[in-house]
Protein backbone atom coordinates (compact mmCIF):
# COMPACT_ATOMS: atom_id res chain seq x y z
CA GLN A 1 -21.61 -10.01 -14.75
CA VAL A 2 -23.68 -10.06 -11.60
CA GLN A 3 -27.49 -10.37 -11.77
CA LEU A 4 -29.88 -9.52 -9.00
CA VAL A 5 -33.31 -11.20 -8.63
CA GLU A 6 -35.70 -9.77 -6.06
CA SER A 7 -38.58 -11.42 -4.35
CA GLY A 8 -40.64 -11.29 -1.19
CA GLY A 9 -42.81 -8.29 -1.82
CA GLY A 10 -46.47 -8.30 -1.31
CA SER A 11 -49.42 -6.77 0.52
CA VAL A 12 -49.65 -6.64 4.31
CA GLN A 13 -51.60 -4.70 6.93
CA ALA A 14 -49.88 -2.13 9.00
CA GLY A 15 -47.95 -3.70 11.81
CA GLY A 16 -47.16 -6.79 9.76
CA SER A 17 -43.80 -8.04 8.50
CA LEU A 18 -42.22 -8.96 5.14
CA LYS A 19 -38.79 -10.27 4.18
CA LEU A 20 -37.35 -9.15 0.95
CA SER A 21 -34.70 -11.18 -0.82
CA CYS A 22 -32.12 -10.17 -3.32
CA ALA A 23 -30.26 -13.10 -4.84
CA ALA A 24 -26.95 -12.39 -6.62
CA SER A 25 -25.81 -14.73 -9.36
CA GLY A 26 -23.18 -14.88 -12.09
CA TYR A 27 -20.40 -13.45 -9.88
CA THR A 28 -18.30 -15.01 -7.15
CA TYR A 29 -17.64 -12.24 -4.72
CA GLY A 30 -15.84 -11.55 -1.49
CA SER A 31 -16.44 -7.95 -0.36
CA TYR A 32 -19.85 -6.52 -0.92
CA CYS A 33 -21.57 -3.21 -0.82
CA MET A 34 -25.33 -3.53 -0.88
CA GLY A 35 -28.17 -1.16 -0.45
CA TRP A 36 -32.00 -1.29 -0.42
CA PHE A 37 -33.89 1.60 -1.95
CA ARG A 38 -37.50 2.38 -2.50
CA GLN A 39 -39.50 4.59 -4.81
CA THR A 40 -43.09 5.70 -4.84
CA PRO A 41 -44.72 7.21 -8.01
CA GLY A 42 -44.14 10.92 -7.92
CA LYS A 43 -41.31 10.88 -5.40
CA GLU A 44 -37.59 10.51 -5.69
CA ARG A 45 -35.87 7.17 -4.85
CA GLU A 46 -34.76 7.11 -1.27
CA ALA A 47 -32.34 4.91 0.64
CA VAL A 48 -33.66 2.52 3.17
CA ALA A 49 -30.70 0.47 4.38
CA ALA A 50 -27.26 -0.58 3.29
CA VAL A 51 -24.56 -3.02 4.41
CA ASP A 52 -20.84 -3.11 3.87
CA SER A 53 -19.20 -6.58 4.31
CA ASP A 54 -16.50 -4.76 6.38
CA ARG A 55 -18.33 -1.75 7.99
CA GLY A 56 -21.65 -3.29 8.75
CA PRO A 57 -25.21 -1.91 8.25
CA THR A 58 -26.57 1.59 8.06
CA TYR A 59 -30.23 2.63 8.00
CA THR A 60 -32.26 5.68 7.24
CA ASP A 61 -33.92 7.18 10.24
CA SER A 62 -37.40 6.27 9.25
CA VAL A 63 -36.70 2.48 9.46
CA LYS A 64 -34.37 2.30 12.35
CA GLY A 65 -35.48 -0.27 14.84
CA ARG A 66 -37.96 -1.81 12.36
CA PHE A 67 -35.84 -2.99 9.38
CA THR A 68 -32.79 -5.33 9.37
CA ILE A 69 -30.46 -5.80 6.42
CA SER A 70 -28.46 -8.99 6.27
CA HIS A 71 -26.53 -11.23 3.97
CA ASP A 72 -26.39 -15.04 3.74
CA ASN A 73 -22.86 -16.14 2.75
CA PHE A 74 -23.95 -19.56 1.60
CA LYS A 75 -26.91 -18.51 -0.57
CA ASN A 76 -25.33 -15.26 -1.97
CA THR A 77 -28.49 -13.52 -1.02
CA PHE A 78 -29.22 -10.24 0.67
CA TYR A 79 -32.30 -9.68 2.78
CA LEU A 80 -34.29 -6.89 4.19
CA GLN A 81 -36.43 -8.01 7.22
CA MET A 82 -39.23 -5.51 7.56
CA ASN A 83 -41.15 -5.44 10.82
CA ASN A 84 -43.95 -3.17 12.06
CA LEU A 85 -44.66 -2.01 8.59
CA LYS A 86 -46.41 1.27 8.18
CA PRO A 87 -48.54 2.62 5.17
CA GLU A 88 -45.63 5.07 4.39
CA ASP A 89 -43.41 2.15 3.73
CA THR A 90 -45.42 1.32 0.60
CA ALA A 91 -43.15 1.52 -2.41
CA MET A 92 -41.23 -0.40 -5.03
CA TYR A 93 -38.25 -1.79 -3.36
CA TYR A 94 -34.89 -2.19 -5.24
CA CYS A 95 -31.71 -3.80 -4.25
CA ALA A 96 -28.37 -2.66 -5.56
CA VAL A 97 -24.85 -3.98 -5.19
CA ASN A 98 -21.15 -3.34 -5.85
CA LEU A 99 -19.10 -6.58 -5.51
CA LEU A 100 -15.43 -7.45 -5.40
CA LEU A 101 -13.87 -10.74 -6.28
CA PRO A 102 -12.58 -12.82 -3.32
CA PHE A 103 -9.32 -11.78 -1.82
CA THR A 104 -9.37 -8.50 -3.69
CA PRO A 105 -8.06 -5.53 -1.68
CA ARG A 106 -10.66 -2.66 -1.41
CA ASP A 107 -9.87 1.00 -1.70
CA ALA A 108 -10.43 3.09 1.33
CA ASP A 109 -13.35 4.86 -0.27
CA TRP A 110 -15.07 1.76 -1.62
CA CYS A 111 -18.52 1.57 -0.12
CA ARG A 112 -17.75 4.74 1.79
CA PHE A 113 -21.29 6.17 1.19
CA PRO A 114 -23.57 3.15 0.78
CA LEU A 115 -26.81 5.10 1.16
CA ARG A 116 -26.09 7.03 -1.93
CA ASP A 117 -28.01 5.56 -4.85
CA ASN A 118 -25.61 6.85 -7.52
CA GLY A 119 -22.82 4.68 -6.19
CA TYR A 120 -24.14 1.27 -7.32
CA ASN A 121 -23.40 -0.46 -10.61
CA THR A 122 -25.95 -3.21 -10.51
CA TRP A 123 -29.69 -2.99 -9.69
CA GLY A 124 -32.45 -5.55 -9.20
CA GLN A 125 -35.78 -5.45 -10.97
CA GLY A 126 -37.68 -4.37 -7.97
CA THR A 127 -40.42 -5.78 -5.83
CA GLN A 128 -43.58 -4.19 -4.65
CA VAL A 129 -44.45 -3.70 -1.04
CA THR A 130 -47.90 -2.51 -0.17
CA VAL A 131 -48.95 -1.71 3.44
CA SER A 132 -52.60 -1.01 4.16
CA SER A 133 -53.93 0.77 7.25
């Protein structure tokens, strides 16, 4: 039963940087499908970035060139490096994962659409990012 603990949020001026962390525990995994999502009050949750252990990263257009998603195999932690932050990036950021045990074959459609928020089984508690102009 994997648990996700998020950290790294905070307040920063426009143009600044933050690095969000999403630490996974309670599950030893091989393949991973991980997404970062954000939500502002009054708006629907939107995808930010996602990474497939086999297919690599995917980004929503608004963050391309500014955000980088990554995974640390030794710490079992996912990251979202956010550079050149803009006020419109202000939101609660959530990480979500689907994981497979090591050496487990994956179906062809597993993590096929990693930017779809209804495809994840486990979610973190969220971390607030506030960007001031």
